Protein backbone atom coordinates (compact mmCIF):
# COMPACT_ATOMS: atom_id res chain seq x y z
CA MET A 1 1.32 19.71 -37.79
CA PRO A 2 3.52 18.49 -34.90
CA THR A 3 3.70 20.49 -31.69
CA PRO A 4 6.78 20.65 -29.43
CA ASP A 5 5.30 17.80 -27.38
CA SER A 6 4.56 15.66 -30.43
CA PRO A 7 6.73 12.57 -30.95
CA ASP A 8 7.45 13.71 -34.50
CA SER A 9 8.62 17.18 -33.56
CA PRO A 10 12.39 17.89 -33.87
CA ASP A 11 11.99 20.41 -31.03
CA SER A 12 10.97 17.77 -28.48
CA PRO A 13 13.38 17.74 -25.54
CA ALA A 14 15.73 14.76 -25.50
CA ALA A 15 14.88 12.35 -22.75
CA SER A 16 17.76 9.96 -23.36
CA PRO A 17 20.75 9.37 -25.63
CA ASP A 18 18.46 7.30 -27.84
CA SER A 19 16.24 10.29 -28.74
CA PRO A 20 15.97 10.69 -32.53
CA SER A 21 17.55 13.39 -34.61
CA PRO A 22 15.57 15.13 -37.36
CA GLY A 23 15.14 13.01 -40.45
CA ARG A 24 15.78 9.71 -38.67
CA ARG A 25 12.33 8.25 -38.33
CA TYR A 26 13.24 5.20 -36.26
CA ALA A 27 16.31 6.52 -34.46
CA TRP A 28 14.42 6.08 -31.16
CA ALA A 29 14.79 2.31 -31.64
CA SER A 30 18.09 1.73 -29.83
CA ARG A 31 20.28 -1.30 -30.45
CA ASN A 32 19.01 -2.96 -27.27
CA PHE A 33 15.40 -2.29 -28.30
CA ARG A 34 15.97 -3.90 -31.72
CA ILE A 35 17.73 -6.95 -30.29
CA GLN A 36 15.20 -7.47 -27.51
CA THR A 37 12.27 -7.10 -29.91
CA THR A 38 13.80 -9.58 -32.38
CA ALA A 39 14.54 -12.10 -29.62
CA THR A 40 10.99 -11.70 -28.28
CA VAL A 41 9.56 -12.41 -31.73
CA VAL A 42 11.67 -15.56 -32.04
CA SER A 43 10.76 -16.93 -28.60
CA GLY A 44 7.13 -15.89 -29.13
CA LEU A 45 6.87 -18.12 -32.19
CA GLY A 46 7.56 -21.17 -30.06
CA ASN A 47 5.71 -20.04 -26.96
CA ALA A 48 2.45 -19.45 -28.82
CA GLY A 49 2.29 -23.03 -30.03
CA ALA A 50 3.59 -24.71 -26.87
CA PRO A 51 0.38 -24.39 -24.75
CA ILE A 52 -1.66 -25.88 -27.60
CA ALA A 53 0.82 -28.74 -27.93
CA THR A 54 0.95 -29.35 -24.18
CA ALA A 55 -2.85 -29.43 -23.85
CA PHE A 56 -3.23 -31.90 -26.70
CA ALA A 57 -0.31 -33.98 -25.44
CA VAL A 58 -2.30 -34.49 -22.23
CA LEU A 59 -5.56 -35.15 -24.07
CA GLY A 60 -3.84 -37.44 -26.59
CA ASN A 61 -2.39 -39.48 -23.76
CA GLY A 62 -5.86 -40.16 -22.37
CA GLY A 63 -5.93 -37.22 -19.98
CA SER A 64 -8.98 -35.18 -19.03
CA ALA A 65 -9.75 -31.47 -18.83
CA THR A 66 -8.86 -31.64 -15.14
CA GLU A 67 -5.38 -32.96 -15.95
CA VAL A 68 -4.90 -30.23 -18.57
CA GLY A 69 -5.68 -27.76 -15.79
CA TYR A 70 -3.18 -29.41 -13.42
CA VAL A 71 -0.38 -29.21 -16.00
CA THR A 72 -1.13 -25.56 -16.67
CA ALA A 73 -1.22 -24.86 -12.93
CA ALA A 74 2.12 -26.63 -12.49
CA ARG A 75 3.69 -23.98 -14.74
CA LEU A 76 2.01 -21.11 -12.96
CA VAL A 77 2.86 -22.06 -9.36
CA PRO A 78 6.64 -21.52 -9.63
CA THR A 79 5.97 -18.43 -11.72
CA VAL A 80 3.97 -16.92 -8.87
CA LEU A 81 6.44 -18.03 -6.19
CA LEU A 82 9.61 -16.82 -7.94
CA LEU A 83 8.53 -13.61 -9.70
CA VAL A 84 9.46 -11.33 -6.79
CA LEU A 85 12.89 -12.95 -6.55
CA GLY A 86 13.30 -12.44 -10.29
CA GLY A 87 12.41 -8.76 -9.95
CA ALA A 88 14.91 -8.18 -7.14
CA LEU A 89 17.68 -9.92 -9.07
CA ALA A 90 16.93 -7.91 -12.21
CA ASP A 91 17.26 -4.61 -10.31
CA ARG A 92 20.61 -5.70 -8.82
CA PHE A 93 22.39 -7.49 -11.68
CA PRO A 94 22.71 -6.99 -15.48
CA ARG A 95 19.28 -7.78 -16.89
CA HIS A 96 20.54 -9.23 -20.16
CA ARG A 97 22.53 -11.94 -18.32
CA ILE A 98 19.48 -12.97 -16.31
CA MET A 99 17.41 -13.20 -19.51
CA VAL A 100 20.04 -15.34 -21.25
CA GLY A 101 20.25 -17.75 -18.33
CA ALA A 102 16.46 -18.00 -18.03
CA ASN A 103 16.05 -18.64 -21.77
CA LEU A 104 18.68 -21.40 -21.72
CA PHE A 105 17.03 -23.05 -18.73
CA SER A 106 13.58 -22.91 -20.36
CA GLY A 107 14.98 -24.21 -23.65
CA VAL A 108 16.52 -27.26 -21.98
CA ALA A 109 13.29 -27.99 -20.08
CA GLN A 110 11.21 -27.83 -23.27
CA ALA A 111 13.74 -30.01 -25.12
CA VAL A 112 13.44 -32.72 -22.47
CA LEU A 113 9.64 -32.49 -22.54
CA ALA A 114 9.64 -32.72 -26.34
CA ALA A 115 11.85 -35.83 -26.24
CA LEU A 116 9.54 -37.54 -23.75
CA VAL A 117 6.39 -36.72 -25.76
CA LEU A 118 8.02 -37.91 -28.99
CA ALA A 119 9.11 -41.14 -27.31
CA GLY A 120 5.45 -41.83 -26.45
CA ASN A 121 3.51 -42.53 -23.28
CA VAL A 122 4.74 -39.48 -21.34
CA GLN A 123 3.71 -39.65 -17.71
CA LEU A 124 1.60 -36.99 -15.99
CA TRP A 125 4.25 -36.37 -13.32
CA GLN A 126 6.82 -35.68 -16.05
CA LEU A 127 4.52 -33.12 -17.64
CA LEU A 128 3.99 -31.50 -14.24
CA VAL A 129 7.70 -31.28 -13.37
CA LEU A 130 8.81 -29.92 -16.74
CA SER A 131 5.93 -27.47 -16.91
CA ALA A 132 7.01 -26.23 -13.49
CA ALA A 133 10.57 -25.80 -14.78
CA GLY A 134 9.26 -23.66 -17.63
CA GLY A 135 7.35 -21.52 -15.14
CA ALA A 136 10.51 -20.99 -13.07
CA GLY A 137 12.39 -19.86 -16.17
CA TYR A 138 9.66 -17.36 -17.01
CA ALA A 139 9.65 -15.97 -13.45
CA LEU A 140 13.34 -15.08 -13.76
CA TYR A 141 13.05 -13.80 -17.33
CA SER A 142 9.97 -11.59 -17.24
CA PRO A 143 10.95 -8.87 -14.71
CA ALA A 144 14.34 -8.46 -16.37
CA SER A 145 12.68 -8.20 -19.77
CA GLY A 146 10.19 -5.58 -18.55
CA GLY A 147 12.95 -3.44 -17.07
CA MET A 148 15.14 -3.75 -20.17
CA ILE A 149 12.47 -2.77 -22.69
CA MET A 150 11.30 0.21 -20.62
CA GLN A 151 14.88 1.36 -20.22
CA ALA A 152 15.67 1.01 -23.92
CA VAL A 153 13.42 3.79 -25.29
CA PRO A 154 12.99 7.53 -24.57
CA GLN A 155 9.82 8.36 -22.66
CA GLU A 156 8.42 10.71 -25.32
CA TYR A 157 8.44 7.79 -27.79
CA ALA A 158 7.14 5.22 -25.30
CA ALA A 159 3.72 4.64 -26.89
CA LYS A 160 5.20 4.18 -30.36
CA ALA A 161 8.01 1.94 -29.12
CA PHE A 162 5.81 -0.24 -26.93
CA SER A 163 3.30 -0.56 -29.78
CA VAL A 164 6.04 -1.72 -32.15
CA PHE A 165 7.36 -4.12 -29.51
CA ARG A 166 3.93 -5.59 -28.91
CA MET A 167 3.22 -5.81 -32.65
CA GLY A 168 6.37 -7.90 -33.05
CA LEU A 169 5.44 -10.12 -30.13
CA ASN A 170 1.85 -10.42 -31.23
CA ALA A 171 2.70 -11.13 -34.87
CA SER A 172 4.82 -14.02 -33.66
CA GLN A 173 1.80 -15.28 -31.71
CA ILE A 174 -0.26 -15.32 -34.89
CA GLY A 175 2.29 -17.42 -36.73
CA GLY A 176 3.15 -19.49 -33.69
CA ALA A 177 -0.45 -20.33 -32.80
CA ALA A 178 -1.38 -21.21 -36.38
CA LEU A 179 1.82 -23.22 -36.84
CA GLY A 180 1.43 -24.88 -33.44
CA GLY A 181 -2.12 -25.96 -34.15
CA ALA A 182 -1.28 -27.18 -37.66
CA LEU A 183 1.84 -29.08 -36.57
CA THR A 184 0.05 -30.61 -33.59
CA THR A 185 -2.57 -31.95 -35.98
CA ALA A 186 -0.10 -33.01 -38.68
CA VAL A 187 2.88 -34.45 -36.81
CA GLY A 188 1.94 -34.40 -33.12
CA PRO A 189 2.63 -32.15 -30.16
CA GLY A 190 6.20 -33.37 -29.56
CA TRP A 191 7.59 -31.54 -32.60
CA VAL A 192 5.86 -28.30 -31.56
CA LEU A 193 7.55 -28.53 -28.16
CA ALA A 194 10.89 -29.20 -29.88
CA LEU A 195 10.39 -26.06 -31.98
CA ASP A 196 9.72 -24.09 -28.80
CA ALA A 197 12.99 -25.36 -27.30
CA LEU A 198 14.89 -24.29 -30.43
CA CYS A 199 13.30 -20.83 -30.34
CA PHE A 200 14.38 -20.39 -26.71
CA LEU A 201 17.98 -21.23 -27.60
CA ILE A 202 18.02 -18.80 -30.53
CA ALA A 203 16.52 -16.06 -28.35
CA ALA A 204 19.19 -16.67 -25.69
CA SER A 205 21.89 -16.27 -28.35
CA LEU A 206 20.42 -12.95 -29.45
CA ARG A 207 20.02 -11.63 -25.92
CA PHE A 208 23.66 -12.46 -25.24
CA LEU A 209 24.40 -9.47 -27.52
CA LEU A 210 22.44 -7.02 -25.33
CA GLU A 211 24.41 -4.38 -23.47
CA PRO A 212 23.54 -3.19 -19.94
CA GLU A 213 22.43 0.44 -20.09
CA THR A 214 22.91 1.27 -16.42
CA ALA A 215 25.08 -0.10 -13.69
CA PRO A 216 23.54 -2.67 -11.34
CA ALA A 217 22.13 -1.43 -8.05
CA PRO A 218 24.68 -0.91 -5.28
CA GLY A 219 25.42 -4.09 -3.40
CA GLY A 220 25.19 -2.46 0.07
CA SER A 221 21.48 -3.10 0.55
CA SER A 222 20.14 -6.56 1.26
CA MET A 223 17.81 -8.45 -1.01
CA LEU A 224 15.05 -8.21 1.61
CA ARG A 225 15.46 -4.44 1.81
CA ASP A 226 15.26 -4.19 -1.98
CA LEU A 227 12.03 -6.20 -1.93
CA HIS A 228 10.61 -4.02 0.86
CA GLU A 229 11.42 -0.81 -1.04
CA GLY A 230 9.83 -2.23 -4.18
CA TRP A 231 6.72 -3.15 -2.18
CA ARG A 232 6.46 0.40 -0.79
CA GLU A 233 6.62 1.77 -4.34
CA PHE A 234 3.90 -0.67 -5.35
CA VAL A 235 1.39 -0.12 -2.54
CA SER A 236 1.80 3.67 -2.58
CA ARG A 237 -0.07 3.85 -5.91
CA ARG A 238 -3.75 2.83 -5.60
CA TRP A 239 -4.26 2.79 -9.37
CA LEU A 240 -1.42 0.27 -9.63
CA TRP A 241 -2.47 -2.27 -7.03
CA GLY A 242 -6.16 -1.80 -7.87
CA ILE A 243 -5.67 -2.87 -11.48
CA VAL A 244 -3.34 -5.70 -10.43
CA LEU A 245 -6.05 -6.93 -8.05
CA GLN A 246 -8.56 -6.76 -10.91
CA PHE A 247 -6.21 -8.77 -13.13
CA SER A 248 -5.65 -11.48 -10.54
CA VAL A 249 -9.21 -12.70 -11.22
CA LEU A 250 -9.29 -11.73 -14.90
CA VAL A 251 -6.13 -13.67 -15.72
CA ALA A 252 -7.41 -16.71 -13.80
CA CYS A 253 -10.64 -16.64 -15.85
CA THR A 254 -9.06 -16.01 -19.24
CA GLY A 255 -6.33 -18.56 -18.49
CA ALA A 256 -8.92 -21.22 -17.75
CA VAL A 257 -10.73 -20.37 -21.00
CA GLU A 258 -7.60 -20.37 -23.18
CA SER A 259 -5.69 -23.25 -21.57
CA VAL A 260 -8.49 -25.63 -20.58
CA TYR A 261 -11.99 -24.84 -21.84
CA GLY A 262 -10.99 -23.65 -25.32
CA PRO A 263 -9.02 -26.79 -26.25
CA VAL A 264 -11.75 -29.02 -24.77
CA VAL A 265 -14.51 -27.25 -26.73
CA ALA A 266 -12.36 -27.39 -29.88
CA GLU A 267 -11.82 -31.13 -29.41
CA GLU A 268 -15.52 -31.82 -28.77
CA ARG A 269 -17.28 -29.43 -31.17
CA LEU A 270 -14.96 -27.59 -33.54
CA GLY A 271 -12.68 -30.18 -35.11
CA GLY A 272 -9.64 -30.33 -32.83
CA ALA A 273 -6.29 -28.59 -32.47
CA GLY A 274 -6.32 -26.98 -35.91
CA SER A 275 -9.50 -25.07 -35.13
CA TRP A 276 -8.20 -23.86 -31.78
CA GLY A 277 -4.94 -22.83 -33.43
CA LEU A 278 -6.95 -20.77 -35.92
CA ALA A 279 -8.86 -19.11 -33.08
CA MET A 280 -5.61 -18.27 -31.29
CA ALA A 281 -4.22 -16.88 -34.54
CA ALA A 282 -7.26 -14.59 -34.76
CA PHE A 283 -6.46 -13.44 -31.23
CA GLY A 284 -2.93 -12.63 -32.39
CA THR A 285 -4.28 -10.76 -35.42
CA GLY A 286 -6.33 -8.56 -33.09
CA LEU A 287 -3.21 -7.89 -31.03
CA VAL A 288 -1.30 -6.70 -34.10
CA ALA A 289 -4.17 -4.68 -35.57
CA ALA A 290 -4.54 -2.75 -32.31
CA GLY A 291 -0.77 -2.27 -32.21
CA VAL A 292 -0.93 -0.33 -35.46
CA LEU A 293 -3.63 1.86 -33.90
CA MET A 294 -1.74 2.41 -30.64
CA ALA A 295 1.46 3.41 -32.47
CA ARG A 296 -0.41 6.53 -33.66
CA TRP A 297 -3.02 7.11 -30.96
CA ARG A 298 -1.93 8.94 -27.81
CA PRO A 299 -4.97 8.97 -25.50
CA ARG A 300 -4.63 11.35 -22.58
CA ARG A 301 -6.45 9.24 -19.99
CA LEU A 302 -4.13 6.23 -20.08
CA LEU A 303 -5.87 3.83 -17.73
CA LEU A 304 -9.43 4.88 -18.54
CA VAL A 305 -8.87 4.11 -22.23
CA GLY A 306 -6.87 1.00 -21.40
CA ASN A 307 -9.65 -0.40 -19.25
CA TRP A 308 -12.19 -0.06 -22.07
CA GLY A 309 -10.04 -2.67 -23.80
CA VAL A 310 -10.37 -4.93 -20.75
CA PHE A 311 -14.13 -5.18 -21.37
CA LEU A 312 -13.27 -7.25 -24.45
CA PHE A 313 -11.36 -9.91 -22.49
CA GLY A 314 -14.50 -11.92 -21.73
CA VAL A 315 -15.87 -12.03 -25.28
CA PRO A 316 -14.27 -15.42 -26.19
CA ALA A 317 -15.86 -17.03 -23.13
CA LEU A 318 -19.24 -15.68 -24.25
CA ALA A 319 -18.76 -17.16 -27.73
CA LEU A 320 -17.72 -20.55 -26.37
CA ALA A 321 -20.58 -20.60 -23.84
CA ALA A 322 -23.10 -19.79 -26.58
CA ASN A 323 -21.86 -22.72 -28.73
CA ALA A 324 -20.96 -20.23 -31.44
CA PRO A 325 -19.54 -21.52 -34.73
CA LEU A 326 -15.83 -21.23 -35.45
CA SER A 327 -16.30 -18.02 -37.47
CA VAL A 328 -17.94 -16.25 -34.51
CA LEU A 329 -15.32 -17.61 -32.11
CA THR A 330 -12.48 -16.30 -34.27
CA ALA A 331 -14.16 -12.86 -34.37
CA ALA A 332 -14.48 -12.94 -30.57
CA MET A 333 -10.82 -13.88 -30.21
CA PHE A 334 -9.87 -11.03 -32.56
CA LEU A 335 -11.76 -8.51 -30.40
CA SER A 336 -10.14 -9.90 -27.27
CA GLY A 337 -6.72 -9.41 -28.87
CA VAL A 338 -7.59 -5.80 -29.67
CA GLY A 339 -8.53 -5.25 -26.04
CA VAL A 340 -5.29 -6.77 -24.74
CA THR A 341 -3.12 -4.44 -26.82
CA VAL A 342 -5.18 -1.33 -26.07
CA PHE A 343 -4.76 -2.03 -22.37
CA GLY A 344 -1.18 -3.29 -22.58
CA VAL A 345 0.34 -0.30 -24.38
CA ASN A 346 -1.38 2.23 -22.12
CA TRP A 347 -0.31 0.22 -19.08
CA MET A 348 3.34 0.13 -20.17
CA VAL A 349 3.31 3.89 -20.83
CA ALA A 350 1.79 4.50 -17.39
CA LEU A 351 4.44 2.34 -15.69
CA GLN A 352 7.34 4.02 -17.51
CA GLN A 353 5.89 7.44 -16.72
CA GLU A 354 5.11 6.84 -13.04
CA ILE A 355 7.70 4.31 -11.78
CA PRO A 356 11.35 5.20 -11.00
CA GLU A 357 13.73 3.37 -13.36
CA GLU A 358 15.69 1.74 -10.54
CA ALA A 359 12.50 0.00 -9.34
CA PHE A 360 11.14 -1.09 -12.77
CA SER A 361 11.87 -4.79 -12.48
CA ARG A 362 10.54 -5.10 -8.93
CA ILE A 363 7.32 -3.31 -9.89
CA VAL A 364 6.99 -5.56 -12.96
CA ALA A 365 7.50 -8.54 -10.65
CA TYR A 366 4.86 -7.39 -8.14
CA ASP A 367 2.54 -6.59 -11.05
CA GLU A 368 2.89 -10.08 -12.53
CA LEU A 369 2.85 -11.73 -9.11
CA GLY A 370 -0.51 -10.17 -8.33
CA SER A 371 -1.88 -10.70 -11.81
CA TYR A 372 -0.93 -14.39 -11.88
CA SER A 373 -1.54 -15.14 -8.19
CA LEU A 374 -4.90 -16.86 -8.75
CA SER A 375 -4.04 -18.45 -12.10
CA PRO A 376 -2.86 -21.78 -10.64
CA VAL A 377 -6.11 -21.98 -8.67
CA GLY A 378 -8.17 -21.02 -11.72
CA THR A 379 -6.63 -23.58 -14.03
CA ALA A 380 -6.53 -26.34 -11.38
CA LEU A 381 -10.22 -25.77 -10.59
CA ALA A 382 -11.26 -25.40 -14.24
CA GLY A 383 -12.04 -29.08 -14.58
CA PRO A 384 -13.95 -29.43 -11.28
CA ALA A 385 -15.86 -26.21 -12.06
CA ALA A 386 -16.90 -27.61 -15.43
CA ALA A 387 -17.99 -30.83 -13.74
CA ALA A 388 -20.05 -28.91 -11.17
CA LEU A 389 -21.55 -26.20 -13.40
CA GLY A 390 -21.32 -27.89 -16.77
CA LEU A 391 -18.82 -26.69 -19.37
CA ASN A 392 -21.14 -23.95 -20.60
CA GLY A 393 -21.97 -22.87 -17.05
CA ALA A 394 -18.29 -22.46 -16.21
CA LEU A 395 -17.78 -20.40 -19.38
CA TRP A 396 -20.74 -18.13 -18.54
CA ALA A 397 -19.29 -17.59 -15.08
CA CYS A 398 -15.89 -16.61 -16.53
CA ALA A 399 -17.49 -14.15 -18.95
CA ALA A 400 -19.61 -12.56 -16.19
CA LEU A 401 -16.60 -12.09 -13.90
CA CYS A 402 -14.60 -10.43 -16.68
CA LEU A 403 -17.36 -7.92 -17.42
CA LEU A 404 -18.08 -7.20 -13.74
CA LEU A 405 -14.43 -6.54 -12.86
CA SER A 406 -13.93 -4.35 -15.92
CA ALA A 407 -16.71 -2.09 -14.66
CA ALA A 408 -15.71 -2.23 -10.98
CA VAL A 409 -12.17 -0.87 -11.42
CA LEU A 410 -13.53 2.34 -12.96
CA VAL A 411 -14.96 3.29 -9.58
CA ASP A 412 -11.45 4.40 -8.56
CA PRO A 413 -10.84 8.05 -9.59
CA GLN A 414 -7.09 7.42 -9.86
CA VAL A 415 -7.76 4.90 -12.63
CA ARG A 416 -10.12 7.26 -14.44
CA ARG A 417 -7.89 10.34 -14.13
CA LEU A 418 -4.28 9.20 -14.52
CA SER A 419 -3.14 11.18 -17.57
CA ARG A 420 -0.30 11.15 -20.03
CA ARG A 421 2.28 13.81 -19.25
CA SER A 422 3.62 16.20 -21.86
CA THR A 423 7.27 15.78 -22.82
CA THR A 424 8.18 18.87 -20.79
CA ASP A 425 6.45 17.50 -17.68
CA ALA A 426 8.10 14.10 -18.14
CA THR A 427 11.53 15.73 -18.45
CA GLU A 428 10.97 17.69 -15.23
CA VAL A 429 9.91 14.54 -13.36
CA ALA A 430 12.97 12.68 -14.64
CA ARG A 431 15.21 15.54 -13.52
CA GLU A 432 13.62 15.59 -10.06
CA ARG A 433 14.10 11.82 -9.69
CA ALA A 434 17.74 12.08 -10.78
CA THR A 435 18.52 14.81 -8.24
CA ALA A 436 16.48 13.40 -5.36
CA PRO A 437 18.59 12.37 -2.33
C-alpha cells in the first residue's frame, strides 16, 4: 500500500509541473523526457555498433591491437579536453540547441568515415582525425543531455524515470551491438558506420523538437567564473569526486577490455566480429534487465548499493583472461551490464538530489571529465601492455584493478551513508535552493 512518500501515492507533493495526477500512470514522463529518450534510443542503435565496426576496420586494414587502441584514444582525447567547455555552454545556453548541433557534427564525421572505409584502403591518420571529431561532438552533447534529462522529470519519480531512460538506451545497445557485429561480418564495417551517421541525423531532427524548460543562465558572469563555480560545487562533495576518481581508472580498464582486448580475443579465439557483437548484446541485455529492477527498487543507501554493482565491472576481463568459452563470456558481459545499470540509476538519483539544477551540466561535465581522463592513456597503452604482460596478463591486471577500486571506495563514509531523501525532504531542499540569495 503506497505511503505519502511513495511514487505511486496521489498524496505525494508535486515537485514540478510534470508531476502526475491520479490515474495517469506515466504522466511524469514529460514531452521533453519522451523526445529525449526516443532520440537517445535512435542514436544508441548506431553508437553501439560503431566501436565494433571501427575496431574491425582497423584490423581488416592490416592494423594491430596497438593501432585499435590509438584510434580509440583519438576519440577520447578531445572528449576529455572539451567536456568542461561543453558543460559551461550547456548551463548558459538552451541545451536542446547544443545537442542538435553536436549530433549534426557527429553525423557528418561518421558519414565521411563511412565513405572512406567503403571506398577501401582507409588510412590510419584519417581514422584518427575522424574519431577525434566524433569525440568532440560527444563532449559538447553529453553535458547538455545530462542536464536536460535530469530537468525533465520530477524528483520523486527520478528512479523510475532514469530506469526507463536507461532501459531505452540499453535496449538500443542490445540491438545495435548485435546488428553492428552481424553487419560487420556480412557486409563490412563501412555500412555500420553509415548507419551510425544516419542515426545521428535522425536523433538531431528529434531533438530539434525539444523545448527549453528554464531560461539560460544570466550572461553577466564570465565563462571562467561559471567553470570556477562549477568546480567549487564539485570539490565540495567528497562522495562525488571520490567516485569520479575511482571511475577514472575503472573506465580506462573497462575501455581497454571492450575496445581493444575484447575484439582481439574474439578475432583470435571466438570466431570474429559476430561473436563479439553477441557478447556486447549480452551486456546490453544485462543493462535492460537491471533497468526493470531499478524501476521498482528504491534502495535507501544510494551509493552503497550502486557500488555493489561496480564490483561486476571486472567480470568480463576475468572471463577473457581465463580463456572462457563464448557462453561464459556472454554470461560475464550480462552481469557487467547489470552492474552498470544498478550503479548508473543510483548515481543519477544522487546527482539530481544533491546538485543544484543550475549547475547540473557543469557537474556532469566534471564527472565525465574525471571518469574519462585516463581512458586515452588506457586505450593507447592497451597494445603495449599486452605486448609486455601478454594478452592474458593485461586482462588479469584490468580485472584486479576493477575489484580493488570497487572495495577501496567503500572506505569513505560519505559513499556508504548518502541516503535517498523522502519526497517531503526533497521538496524542502528544493524550496531552500529556490529562495537562497
